[in-house]
């Protein structure tokens, strides 16, 4: 699936680890990746609301810190089934 057919949106809720560095490195590989950084930790629900507000697509798939998409539950298969 072409990258311009979907968006990867990461909303950082003022993380204190090296998440931003990792995402900035990933942006070199994924041109469809957008990063939004909150100025302060807004809490889970408000952060989700920002994600919904800023997303540009028709459908959303939320992935959280401990979520993983691997080859058995490939994101491309999920998107194609919409």
N, C-alpha and C. Protein backbone atom coordinates (compact mmCIF):
# COMPACT_ATOMS: atom_id res chain seq x y z
N UNK A 1 0.85 -1.17 0.00
CA UNK A 1 0.00 0.00 0.00
C UNK A 1 0.90 1.24 0.00
N UNK A 2 0.64 2.16 -0.91
CA UNK A 2 1.46 3.37 -0.97
C UNK A 2 1.33 4.22 0.30
N UNK A 3 2.44 4.82 0.71
CA UNK A 3 2.45 5.61 1.94
C UNK A 3 1.49 6.78 1.89
N UNK A 4 1.24 7.31 0.71
CA UNK A 4 0.34 8.47 0.64
C UNK A 4 -1.12 8.07 0.80
N UNK A 5 -1.41 6.78 0.94
CA UNK A 5 -2.78 6.32 1.17
C UNK A 5 -3.15 6.29 2.65
N UNK A 6 -2.19 6.49 3.52
CA UNK A 6 -2.49 6.48 4.95
C UNK A 6 -1.49 7.38 5.68
N UNK A 7 -1.85 7.72 6.88
CA UNK A 7 -1.04 8.62 7.70
C UNK A 7 -0.65 7.90 9.00
N UNK A 8 0.56 8.13 9.43
CA UNK A 8 0.99 7.68 10.74
C UNK A 8 1.11 8.93 11.60
N UNK A 9 0.27 9.03 12.60
CA UNK A 9 0.25 10.19 13.47
C UNK A 9 0.68 9.78 14.87
N UNK A 10 1.72 10.40 15.36
CA UNK A 10 2.19 10.14 16.71
C UNK A 10 2.00 11.41 17.52
N UNK A 11 1.23 11.30 18.60
CA UNK A 11 1.02 12.43 19.50
C UNK A 11 1.76 12.12 20.79
N UNK A 12 2.83 12.85 21.01
CA UNK A 12 3.66 12.64 22.19
C UNK A 12 3.13 13.48 23.34
N UNK A 13 2.81 12.81 24.43
CA UNK A 13 2.18 13.45 25.58
C UNK A 13 3.24 13.86 26.61
N UNK A 14 4.25 14.59 26.12
CA UNK A 14 5.36 15.09 26.95
C UNK A 14 6.13 13.93 27.59
N UNK A 15 6.55 13.00 26.72
CA UNK A 15 7.32 11.86 27.21
C UNK A 15 8.65 12.32 27.80
N UNK A 16 9.18 11.51 28.70
CA UNK A 16 10.43 11.85 29.36
C UNK A 16 11.57 10.92 28.96
N UNK A 17 11.29 10.03 28.02
CA UNK A 17 12.33 9.13 27.55
C UNK A 17 12.84 9.63 26.19
N UNK A 18 13.40 8.76 25.40
CA UNK A 18 13.93 9.16 24.10
C UNK A 18 12.95 8.91 22.96
N UNK A 19 11.67 8.92 23.25
CA UNK A 19 10.65 8.67 22.22
C UNK A 19 10.76 9.63 21.05
N UNK A 20 10.95 10.90 21.32
CA UNK A 20 11.02 11.91 20.26
C UNK A 20 12.19 11.62 19.32
N UNK A 21 13.33 11.25 19.86
CA UNK A 21 14.48 10.91 19.03
C UNK A 21 14.17 9.72 18.13
N UNK A 22 13.50 8.73 18.67
CA UNK A 22 13.14 7.54 17.89
C UNK A 22 12.18 7.92 16.77
N UNK A 23 11.17 8.71 17.09
CA UNK A 23 10.19 9.12 16.08
C UNK A 23 10.87 9.97 15.00
N UNK A 24 11.72 10.89 15.38
CA UNK A 24 12.42 11.71 14.38
C UNK A 24 13.28 10.86 13.47
N UNK A 25 13.86 9.81 14.00
CA UNK A 25 14.63 8.88 13.16
C UNK A 25 13.68 8.12 12.22
N UNK A 26 12.53 7.72 12.72
CA UNK A 26 11.55 7.00 11.89
C UNK A 26 11.01 7.88 10.77
N UNK A 27 10.94 9.19 11.00
CA UNK A 27 10.43 10.11 9.98
C UNK A 27 11.30 10.10 8.73
N UNK A 28 12.56 9.72 8.87
CA UNK A 28 13.45 9.62 7.71
C UNK A 28 13.02 8.49 6.79
N UNK A 29 12.43 7.46 7.36
CA UNK A 29 12.00 6.28 6.59
C UNK A 29 10.55 6.39 6.15
N UNK A 30 9.70 6.99 6.98
CA UNK A 30 8.27 7.06 6.69
C UNK A 30 7.87 8.52 6.45
N UNK A 31 7.71 8.87 5.18
CA UNK A 31 7.38 10.25 4.84
C UNK A 31 5.95 10.61 5.22
N UNK A 32 5.14 9.63 5.52
CA UNK A 32 3.75 9.87 5.91
C UNK A 32 3.57 9.93 7.43
N UNK A 33 4.66 10.05 8.15
CA UNK A 33 4.62 10.10 9.61
C UNK A 33 4.61 11.56 10.07
N UNK A 34 3.64 11.89 10.92
CA UNK A 34 3.57 13.23 11.52
C UNK A 34 3.70 13.10 13.03
N UNK A 35 4.42 14.02 13.60
CA UNK A 35 4.63 14.05 15.05
C UNK A 35 4.03 15.33 15.62
N UNK A 36 3.20 15.17 16.63
CA UNK A 36 2.66 16.29 17.38
C UNK A 36 3.16 16.13 18.81
N UNK A 37 3.77 17.18 19.34
CA UNK A 37 4.31 17.14 20.69
C UNK A 37 3.50 18.06 21.60
N UNK A 38 2.93 17.50 22.63
CA UNK A 38 2.22 18.32 23.61
C UNK A 38 3.25 19.08 24.46
N UNK A 39 2.92 20.32 24.80
CA UNK A 39 3.82 21.13 25.62
C UNK A 39 3.86 20.65 27.07
N UNK A 40 2.78 19.98 27.50
CA UNK A 40 2.75 19.40 28.84
C UNK A 40 1.93 18.11 28.75
N UNK A 41 2.08 17.26 29.75
CA UNK A 41 1.30 16.02 29.79
C UNK A 41 -0.15 16.38 30.07
N UNK A 42 -1.01 16.03 29.13
CA UNK A 42 -2.42 16.40 29.21
C UNK A 42 -3.30 15.31 29.79
N UNK A 43 -2.72 14.17 30.07
CA UNK A 43 -3.52 13.03 30.50
C UNK A 43 -3.97 12.23 29.29
N UNK A 44 -4.35 11.00 29.55
CA UNK A 44 -4.66 10.06 28.48
C UNK A 44 -5.84 10.51 27.61
N UNK A 45 -6.95 10.87 28.22
CA UNK A 45 -8.15 11.17 27.45
C UNK A 45 -7.96 12.41 26.58
N UNK A 46 -7.42 13.47 27.12
CA UNK A 46 -7.21 14.68 26.33
C UNK A 46 -6.20 14.42 25.21
N UNK A 47 -5.20 13.60 25.47
CA UNK A 47 -4.25 13.24 24.43
C UNK A 47 -4.94 12.48 23.30
N UNK A 48 -5.84 11.56 23.64
CA UNK A 48 -6.60 10.85 22.61
C UNK A 48 -7.45 11.82 21.80
N UNK A 49 -8.08 12.78 22.49
CA UNK A 49 -8.91 13.76 21.79
C UNK A 49 -8.08 14.58 20.81
N UNK A 50 -6.87 14.93 21.18
CA UNK A 50 -5.99 15.64 20.25
C UNK A 50 -5.68 14.76 19.05
N UNK A 51 -5.45 13.49 19.29
CA UNK A 51 -5.19 12.55 18.19
C UNK A 51 -6.35 12.53 17.21
N UNK A 52 -7.55 12.46 17.73
CA UNK A 52 -8.75 12.44 16.88
C UNK A 52 -8.88 13.74 16.11
N UNK A 53 -8.65 14.84 16.79
CA UNK A 53 -8.78 16.16 16.17
C UNK A 53 -7.76 16.39 15.06
N UNK A 54 -6.55 15.92 15.25
CA UNK A 54 -5.46 16.18 14.30
C UNK A 54 -5.37 15.15 13.17
N UNK A 55 -5.98 14.00 13.36
CA UNK A 55 -5.93 12.96 12.31
C UNK A 55 -6.64 13.46 11.06
N UNK A 56 -6.09 13.12 9.91
CA UNK A 56 -6.64 13.60 8.65
C UNK A 56 -7.42 12.54 7.89
N UNK A 57 -7.41 11.32 8.37
CA UNK A 57 -8.07 10.25 7.66
C UNK A 57 -9.50 10.02 8.10
N UNK A 58 -10.15 9.10 7.42
CA UNK A 58 -11.53 8.75 7.72
C UNK A 58 -11.62 7.76 8.89
N UNK A 59 -10.62 6.89 9.02
CA UNK A 59 -10.60 5.87 10.06
C UNK A 59 -9.37 6.06 10.94
N UNK A 60 -9.49 5.62 12.19
CA UNK A 60 -8.36 5.67 13.13
C UNK A 60 -8.10 4.30 13.71
N UNK A 61 -6.85 4.00 13.89
CA UNK A 61 -6.44 2.82 14.64
C UNK A 61 -5.51 3.34 15.73
N UNK A 62 -5.92 3.18 16.97
CA UNK A 62 -5.09 3.64 18.08
C UNK A 62 -4.12 2.54 18.48
N UNK A 63 -2.87 2.90 18.63
CA UNK A 63 -1.85 2.01 19.18
C UNK A 63 -1.25 2.72 20.38
N UNK A 64 -1.07 2.01 21.45
CA UNK A 64 -0.56 2.60 22.67
C UNK A 64 0.83 2.06 22.97
N UNK A 65 1.42 2.52 24.05
CA UNK A 65 2.82 2.24 24.36
C UNK A 65 3.18 0.76 24.30
N UNK A 66 2.31 -0.11 24.73
CA UNK A 66 2.63 -1.54 24.77
C UNK A 66 2.06 -2.32 23.60
N UNK A 67 1.47 -1.64 22.63
CA UNK A 67 0.90 -2.32 21.48
C UNK A 67 1.96 -2.61 20.43
N UNK A 68 1.71 -3.67 19.67
CA UNK A 68 2.64 -4.08 18.64
C UNK A 68 1.85 -4.62 17.46
N UNK A 69 2.22 -4.20 16.29
CA UNK A 69 1.66 -4.81 15.08
C UNK A 69 2.81 -5.56 14.44
N UNK A 70 2.62 -6.86 14.30
CA UNK A 70 3.65 -7.68 13.69
C UNK A 70 3.12 -8.26 12.38
N UNK A 71 3.85 -9.16 11.79
CA UNK A 71 3.45 -9.71 10.50
C UNK A 71 2.13 -10.47 10.56
N UNK A 72 1.78 -11.02 11.72
CA UNK A 72 0.53 -11.78 11.82
C UNK A 72 -0.69 -10.88 11.90
N UNK A 73 -0.54 -9.67 12.39
CA UNK A 73 -1.67 -8.73 12.40
C UNK A 73 -1.22 -7.43 11.75
N UNK A 74 -0.84 -7.56 10.51
CA UNK A 74 -0.24 -6.50 9.72
C UNK A 74 -1.19 -5.32 9.53
N UNK A 75 -0.69 -4.12 9.73
CA UNK A 75 -1.50 -2.90 9.58
C UNK A 75 -2.06 -2.78 8.17
N UNK A 76 -1.32 -3.22 7.18
CA UNK A 76 -1.80 -3.13 5.80
C UNK A 76 -3.04 -4.00 5.59
N UNK A 77 -3.07 -5.18 6.21
CA UNK A 77 -4.27 -6.02 6.12
C UNK A 77 -5.45 -5.36 6.78
N UNK A 78 -5.23 -4.74 7.92
CA UNK A 78 -6.32 -4.03 8.60
C UNK A 78 -6.88 -2.93 7.72
N UNK A 79 -6.01 -2.16 7.11
CA UNK A 79 -6.44 -1.04 6.27
C UNK A 79 -7.18 -1.55 5.04
N UNK A 80 -6.68 -2.59 4.41
CA UNK A 80 -7.31 -3.10 3.19
C UNK A 80 -8.70 -3.65 3.46
N UNK A 81 -8.96 -4.10 4.68
CA UNK A 81 -10.27 -4.65 5.01
C UNK A 81 -11.30 -3.58 5.35
N UNK A 82 -10.90 -2.33 5.40
CA UNK A 82 -11.86 -1.27 5.70
C UNK A 82 -12.73 -1.06 4.51
